[in-house]
All heavy atoms as atom14 arrays in JSON, in Angstrom:
{
  "sequence": "TDLGLSFFFARQYERAIEQFEKALEMDPNS",
  "atom14_mask": [
    [1, 1, 1, 1, 1, 1, 1, 0, 0, 0, 0, 0, 0, 0],
    [1, 1, 1, 1, 1, 1, 1, 1, 0, 0, 0, 0, 0, 0],
    [1, 1, 1, 1, 1, 1, 1, 1, 0, 0, 0, 0, 0, 0],
    [1, 1, 1, 1, 0, 0, 0, 0, 0, 0, 0, 0, 0, 0],
    [1, 1, 1, 1, 1, 1, 1, 1, 0, 0, 0, 0, 0, 0],
    [1, 1, 1, 1, 1, 1, 0, 0, 0, 0, 0, 0, 0, 0],
    [1, 1, 1, 1, 1, 1, 1, 1, 1, 1, 1, 0, 0, 0],
    [1, 1, 1, 1, 1, 1, 1, 1, 1, 1, 1, 0, 0, 0],
    [1, 1, 1, 1, 1, 1, 1, 1, 1, 1, 1, 0, 0, 0],
    [1, 1, 1, 1, 1, 0, 0, 0, 0, 0, 0, 0, 0, 0],
    [1, 1, 1, 1, 1, 1, 1, 1, 1, 1, 1, 0, 0, 0],
    [1, 1, 1, 1, 1, 1, 1, 1, 1, 0, 0, 0, 0, 0],
    [1, 1, 1, 1, 1, 1, 1, 1, 1, 1, 1, 1, 0, 0],
    [1, 1, 1, 1, 1, 1, 1, 1, 1, 0, 0, 0, 0, 0],
    [1, 1, 1, 1, 1, 1, 1, 1, 1, 1, 1, 0, 0, 0],
    [1, 1, 1, 1, 1, 0, 0, 0, 0, 0, 0, 0, 0, 0],
    [1, 1, 1, 1, 1, 1, 1, 1, 0, 0, 0, 0, 0, 0],
    [1, 1, 1, 1, 1, 1, 1, 1, 1, 0, 0, 0, 0, 0],
    [1, 1, 1, 1, 1, 1, 1, 1, 1, 0, 0, 0, 0, 0],
    [1, 1, 1, 1, 1, 1, 1, 1, 1, 1, 1, 0, 0, 0],
    [1, 1, 1, 1, 1, 1, 1, 1, 1, 0, 0, 0, 0, 0],
    [1, 1, 1, 1, 1, 1, 1, 1, 1, 0, 0, 0, 0, 0],
    [1, 1, 1, 1, 1, 0, 0, 0, 0, 0, 0, 0, 0, 0],
    [1, 1, 1, 1, 1, 1, 1, 1, 0, 0, 0, 0, 0, 0],
    [1, 1, 1, 1, 1, 1, 1, 1, 1, 0, 0, 0, 0, 0],
    [1, 1, 1, 1, 1, 1, 1, 1, 0, 0, 0, 0, 0, 0],
    [1, 1, 1, 1, 1, 1, 1, 1, 0, 0, 0, 0, 0, 0],
    [1, 1, 1, 1, 1, 1, 1, 0, 0, 0, 0, 0, 0, 0],
    [1, 1, 1, 1, 1, 1, 1, 1, 0, 0, 0, 0, 0, 0],
    [1, 1, 1, 1, 1, 1, 0, 0, 0, 0, 0, 0, 0, 0]
  ],
  "atom14_positions": [
    [[2.33, -68.85, -41.36], [1.83, -68.16, -40.17], [0.96, -66.98, -40.57], [-0.13, -66.77, -40.0], [2.99, -67.7, -39.28], [3.72, -68.86, -38.86], [2.49, -66.96, -38.05], [0.0, 0.0, 0.0], [0.0, 0.0, 0.0], [0.0, 0.0, 0.0], [0.0, 0.0, 0.0], [0.0, 0.0, 0.0], [0.0, 0.0, 0.0], [0.0, 0.0, 0.0]],
    [[1.39, -66.23, -41.56], [0.59, -65.08, -42.03], [-0.77, -65.54, -42.58], [-1.78, -64.88, -42.35], [1.34, -64.29, -43.09], [2.49, -63.48, -42.49], [2.54, -63.33, -41.26], [3.35, -63.02, -43.27], [0.0, 0.0, 0.0], [0.0, 0.0, 0.0], [0.0, 0.0, 0.0], [0.0, 0.0, 0.0], [0.0, 0.0, 0.0], [0.0, 0.0, 0.0]],
    [[-0.78, -66.66, -43.29], [-2.05, -67.19, -43.78], [-2.94, -67.58, -42.6], [-4.14, -67.31, -42.59], [-1.81, -68.38, -44.7], [-3.07, -69.05, -45.27], [-3.94, -68.05, -46.02], [-2.67, -70.21, -46.18], [0.0, 0.0, 0.0], [0.0, 0.0, 0.0], [0.0, 0.0, 0.0], [0.0, 0.0, 0.0], [0.0, 0.0, 0.0], [0.0, 0.0, 0.0]],
    [[-2.33, -68.19, -41.59], [-3.09, -68.54, -40.38], [-3.69, -67.3, -39.72], [-4.82, -67.32, -39.25], [0.0, 0.0, 0.0], [0.0, 0.0, 0.0], [0.0, 0.0, 0.0], [0.0, 0.0, 0.0], [0.0, 0.0, 0.0], [0.0, 0.0, 0.0], [0.0, 0.0, 0.0], [0.0, 0.0, 0.0], [0.0, 0.0, 0.0], [0.0, 0.0, 0.0]],
    [[-2.93, -66.21, -39.73], [-3.44, -64.96, -39.16], [-4.63, -64.44, -39.95], [-5.58, -63.9, -39.38], [-2.35, -63.9, -39.13], [-1.48, -63.87, -37.89], [-0.37, -62.84, -38.03], [-2.3, -63.59, -36.65], [0.0, 0.0, 0.0], [0.0, 0.0, 0.0], [0.0, 0.0, 0.0], [0.0, 0.0, 0.0], [0.0, 0.0, 0.0], [0.0, 0.0, 0.0]],
    [[-4.59, -64.61, -41.25], [-5.74, -64.19, -42.08], [-6.99, -64.95, -41.66], [-8.07, -64.37, -41.52], [-5.44, -64.42, -43.56], [-4.38, -63.61, -43.98], [0.0, 0.0, 0.0], [0.0, 0.0, 0.0], [0.0, 0.0, 0.0], [0.0, 0.0, 0.0], [0.0, 0.0, 0.0], [0.0, 0.0, 0.0], [0.0, 0.0, 0.0], [0.0, 0.0, 0.0]],
    [[-6.84, -66.25, -41.47], [-7.98, -67.05, -41.0], [-8.42, -66.61, -39.6], [-9.61, -66.51, -39.3], [-7.64, -68.54, -41.0], [-7.47, -69.15, -42.35], [-6.39, -69.98, -42.62], [-8.37, -68.89, -43.38], [-6.22, -70.56, -43.87], [-8.21, -69.46, -44.64], [-7.13, -70.29, -44.89], [0.0, 0.0, 0.0], [0.0, 0.0, 0.0], [0.0, 0.0, 0.0]],
    [[-7.42, -66.34, -38.75], [-7.73, -65.91, -37.38], [-8.57, -64.64, -37.38], [-9.6, -64.56, -36.72], [-6.44, -65.69, -36.58], [-6.69, -65.22, -35.18], [-6.93, -66.11, -34.17], [-6.71, -63.86, -34.89], [-7.18, -65.68, -32.87], [-6.96, -63.42, -33.6], [-7.2, -64.34, -32.59], [0.0, 0.0, 0.0], [0.0, 0.0, 0.0], [0.0, 0.0, 0.0]],
    [[-8.13, -63.63, -38.13], [-8.84, -62.36, -38.12], [-10.19, -62.45, -38.82], [-11.07, -61.61, -38.59], [-7.98, -61.25, -38.7], [-6.85, -60.87, -37.78], [-5.54, -60.85, -38.23], [-7.08, -60.56, -36.45], [-4.49, -60.52, -37.37], [-6.06, -60.23, -35.58], [-4.76, -60.21, -36.05], [0.0, 0.0, 0.0], [0.0, 0.0, 0.0], [0.0, 0.0, 0.0]],
    [[-10.36, -63.47, -39.65], [-11.68, -63.75, -40.25], [-12.53, -64.56, -39.27], [-13.65, -64.93, -39.6], [-11.52, -64.49, -41.57], [0.0, 0.0, 0.0], [0.0, 0.0, 0.0], [0.0, 0.0, 0.0], [0.0, 0.0, 0.0], [0.0, 0.0, 0.0], [0.0, 0.0, 0.0], [0.0, 0.0, 0.0], [0.0, 0.0, 0.0], [0.0, 0.0, 0.0]],
    [[-11.96, -64.84, -38.11], [-12.59, -65.61, -37.04], [-12.91, -67.04, -37.46], [-13.85, -67.65, -36.99], [-13.8, -64.87, -36.47], [-13.32, -63.5, -35.95], [-14.24, -62.84, -35.05], [-13.67, -61.53, -34.68], [-13.8, -61.0, -33.51], [-14.47, -61.62, -32.57], [-13.29, -59.84, -33.24], [0.0, 0.0, 0.0], [0.0, 0.0, 0.0], [0.0, 0.0, 0.0]],
    [[-12.07, -67.55, -38.33], [-12.12, -68.95, -38.74], [-11.03, -69.69, -37.95], [-9.98, -70.06, -38.48], [-11.89, -69.07, -40.25], [-12.96, -68.41, -41.07], [-12.64, -68.46, -42.56], [-11.82, -69.27, -43.02], [-13.29, -67.6, -43.32], [0.0, 0.0, 0.0], [0.0, 0.0, 0.0], [0.0, 0.0, 0.0], [0.0, 0.0, 0.0], [0.0, 0.0, 0.0]],
    [[-11.31, -69.88, -36.68], [-10.28, -70.34, -35.75], [-9.78, -71.75, -36.06], [-8.59, -72.03, -35.91], [-10.77, -70.22, -34.31], [-11.13, -68.8, -33.95], [-12.39, -68.48, -33.47], [-10.21, -67.77, -34.13], [-12.72, -67.16, -33.16], [-10.52, -66.47, -33.84], [-11.79, -66.16, -33.35], [-12.12, -64.86, -33.05], [0.0, 0.0, 0.0], [0.0, 0.0, 0.0]],
    [[-10.67, -72.65, -36.48], [-10.25, -74.01, -36.79], [-9.25, -74.01, -37.96], [-8.22, -74.68, -37.92], [-11.46, -74.89, -37.11], [-11.14, -76.37, -37.1], [-10.59, -76.87, -35.77], [-11.18, -76.58, -34.71], [-9.55, -77.55, -35.8], [0.0, 0.0, 0.0], [0.0, 0.0, 0.0], [0.0, 0.0, 0.0], [0.0, 0.0, 0.0], [0.0, 0.0, 0.0]],
    [[-9.56, -73.24, -38.99], [-8.64, -73.15, -40.14], [-7.32, -72.5, -39.73], [-6.26, -72.89, -40.2], [-9.29, -72.37, -41.28], [-10.42, -73.16, -41.94], [-11.04, -72.42, -43.1], [-10.13, -72.48, -44.25], [-10.33, -71.79, -45.37], [-11.4, -71.02, -45.5], [-9.49, -71.87, -46.37], [0.0, 0.0, 0.0], [0.0, 0.0, 0.0], [0.0, 0.0, 0.0]],
    [[-7.4, -71.51, -38.86], [-6.19, -70.86, -38.37], [-5.32, -71.86, -37.62], [-4.1, -71.93, -37.84], [-6.55, -69.68, -37.46], [0.0, 0.0, 0.0], [0.0, 0.0, 0.0], [0.0, 0.0, 0.0], [0.0, 0.0, 0.0], [0.0, 0.0, 0.0], [0.0, 0.0, 0.0], [0.0, 0.0, 0.0], [0.0, 0.0, 0.0], [0.0, 0.0, 0.0]],
    [[-5.93, -72.65, -36.76], [-5.19, -73.66, -35.99], [-4.49, -74.63, -36.94], [-3.31, -74.94, -36.77], [-6.13, -74.39, -35.01], [-6.53, -73.42, -33.87], [-5.48, -75.65, -34.45], [-7.67, -73.92, -33.01], [0.0, 0.0, 0.0], [0.0, 0.0, 0.0], [0.0, 0.0, 0.0], [0.0, 0.0, 0.0], [0.0, 0.0, 0.0], [0.0, 0.0, 0.0]],
    [[-5.22, -75.1, -37.94], [-4.62, -76.02, -38.91], [-3.4, -75.39, -39.58], [-2.37, -76.03, -39.76], [-5.65, -76.42, -39.97], [-6.75, -77.32, -39.46], [-7.86, -77.53, -40.48], [-7.67, -77.2, -41.68], [-8.93, -78.01, -40.07], [0.0, 0.0, 0.0], [0.0, 0.0, 0.0], [0.0, 0.0, 0.0], [0.0, 0.0, 0.0], [0.0, 0.0, 0.0]],
    [[-3.54, -74.14, -39.96], [-2.45, -73.45, -40.65], [-1.24, -73.23, -39.73], [-0.1, -73.43, -40.13], [-2.94, -72.11, -41.21], [-2.05, -71.54, -42.26], [-1.92, -72.44, -43.48], [-2.89, -72.98, -43.98], [-0.7, -72.6, -43.95], [0.0, 0.0, 0.0], [0.0, 0.0, 0.0], [0.0, 0.0, 0.0], [0.0, 0.0, 0.0], [0.0, 0.0, 0.0]],
    [[-1.5, -72.83, -38.48], [-0.41, -72.64, -37.54], [0.31, -73.96, -37.26], [1.53, -74.0, -37.13], [-0.91, -72.01, -36.24], [-1.44, -70.61, -36.39], [-2.6, -70.22, -35.74], [-0.78, -69.68, -37.18], [-3.09, -68.93, -35.87], [-1.26, -68.38, -37.32], [-2.42, -68.01, -36.66], [0.0, 0.0, 0.0], [0.0, 0.0, 0.0], [0.0, 0.0, 0.0]],
    [[-0.46, -75.05, -37.17], [0.17, -76.35, -36.95], [1.06, -76.74, -38.12], [2.14, -77.31, -37.94], [-0.89, -77.41, -36.67], [-1.5, -77.24, -35.28], [-2.66, -78.18, -34.99], [-3.25, -78.74, -35.96], [-2.99, -78.34, -33.8], [0.0, 0.0, 0.0], [0.0, 0.0, 0.0], [0.0, 0.0, 0.0], [0.0, 0.0, 0.0], [0.0, 0.0, 0.0]],
    [[0.63, -76.43, -39.35], [1.47, -76.69, -40.53], [2.77, -75.88, -40.43], [3.85, -76.39, -40.72], [0.74, -76.3, -41.81], [-0.31, -77.28, -42.25], [-0.96, -76.8, -43.54], [-2.15, -77.64, -43.9], [-2.84, -77.13, -45.1], [0.0, 0.0, 0.0], [0.0, 0.0, 0.0], [0.0, 0.0, 0.0], [0.0, 0.0, 0.0], [0.0, 0.0, 0.0]],
    [[2.64, -74.63, -40.02], [3.82, -73.78, -39.89], [4.77, -74.34, -38.83], [6.0, -74.3, -39.01], [3.42, -72.35, -39.56], [0.0, 0.0, 0.0], [0.0, 0.0, 0.0], [0.0, 0.0, 0.0], [0.0, 0.0, 0.0], [0.0, 0.0, 0.0], [0.0, 0.0, 0.0], [0.0, 0.0, 0.0], [0.0, 0.0, 0.0], [0.0, 0.0, 0.0]],
    [[4.23, -74.86, -37.74], [5.08, -75.4, -36.68], [5.78, -76.69, -37.1], [6.84, -77.02, -36.57], [4.27, -75.62, -35.41], [3.94, -74.36, -34.63], [2.98, -74.66, -33.49], [5.21, -73.69, -34.12], [0.0, 0.0, 0.0], [0.0, 0.0, 0.0], [0.0, 0.0, 0.0], [0.0, 0.0, 0.0], [0.0, 0.0, 0.0], [0.0, 0.0, 0.0]],
    [[5.19, -77.42, -38.05], [5.88, -78.59, -38.58], [7.19, -78.18, -39.24], [8.17, -78.9, -39.19], [4.99, -79.33, -39.59], [3.84, -80.08, -38.96], [2.89, -80.68, -40.0], [3.26, -80.77, -41.19], [1.78, -81.06, -39.6], [0.0, 0.0, 0.0], [0.0, 0.0, 0.0], [0.0, 0.0, 0.0], [0.0, 0.0, 0.0], [0.0, 0.0, 0.0]],
    [[7.19, -76.99, -39.86], [8.39, -76.49, -40.53], [9.38, -75.87, -39.56], [10.59, -75.94, -39.76], [7.99, -75.46, -41.59], [7.26, -76.05, -42.74], [6.88, -74.74, -43.91], [5.22, -75.21, -44.35], [0.0, 0.0, 0.0], [0.0, 0.0, 0.0], [0.0, 0.0, 0.0], [0.0, 0.0, 0.0], [0.0, 0.0, 0.0], [0.0, 0.0, 0.0]],
    [[8.83, -75.23, -38.52], [9.69, -74.57, -37.54], [9.04, -74.64, -36.16], [8.28, -73.76, -35.77], [9.92, -73.11, -37.94], [10.85, -72.38, -36.97], [11.39, -73.03, -36.04], [11.04, -71.17, -37.15], [0.0, 0.0, 0.0], [0.0, 0.0, 0.0], [0.0, 0.0, 0.0], [0.0, 0.0, 0.0], [0.0, 0.0, 0.0], [0.0, 0.0, 0.0]],
    [[9.32, -75.72, -35.42], [8.7, -75.91, -34.11], [9.08, -74.86, -33.07], [8.43, -74.74, -32.04], [9.18, -77.29, -33.66], [10.0, -77.85, -34.73], [10.19, -76.82, -35.8], [0.0, 0.0, 0.0], [0.0, 0.0, 0.0], [0.0, 0.0, 0.0], [0.0, 0.0, 0.0], [0.0, 0.0, 0.0], [0.0, 0.0, 0.0], [0.0, 0.0, 0.0]],
    [[10.13, -74.09, -33.35], [10.57, -73.07, -32.4], [10.16, -71.66, -32.8], [10.72, -70.69, -32.29], [12.08, -73.14, -32.21], [12.48, -74.42, -31.51], [11.85, -74.84, -30.56], [13.52, -75.06, -32.02], [0.0, 0.0, 0.0], [0.0, 0.0, 0.0], [0.0, 0.0, 0.0], [0.0, 0.0, 0.0], [0.0, 0.0, 0.0], [0.0, 0.0, 0.0]],
    [[9.2, -71.55, -33.68], [8.72, -70.22, -34.07], [7.85, -69.66, -32.95], [6.71, -70.08, -32.75], [7.91, -70.31, -35.37], [7.28, -69.07, -35.61], [0.0, 0.0, 0.0], [0.0, 0.0, 0.0], [0.0, 0.0, 0.0], [0.0, 0.0, 0.0], [0.0, 0.0, 0.0], [0.0, 0.0, 0.0], [0.0, 0.0, 0.0], [0.0, 0.0, 0.0]]
  ]
}
């Protein structure tokens, strides 16, 4: 999730989405 935030704040939204989706695979209730 933190890596996704790094992409988000760099305004790389597609990469952020991919990273957040990976994180949700590990914990869907985050």
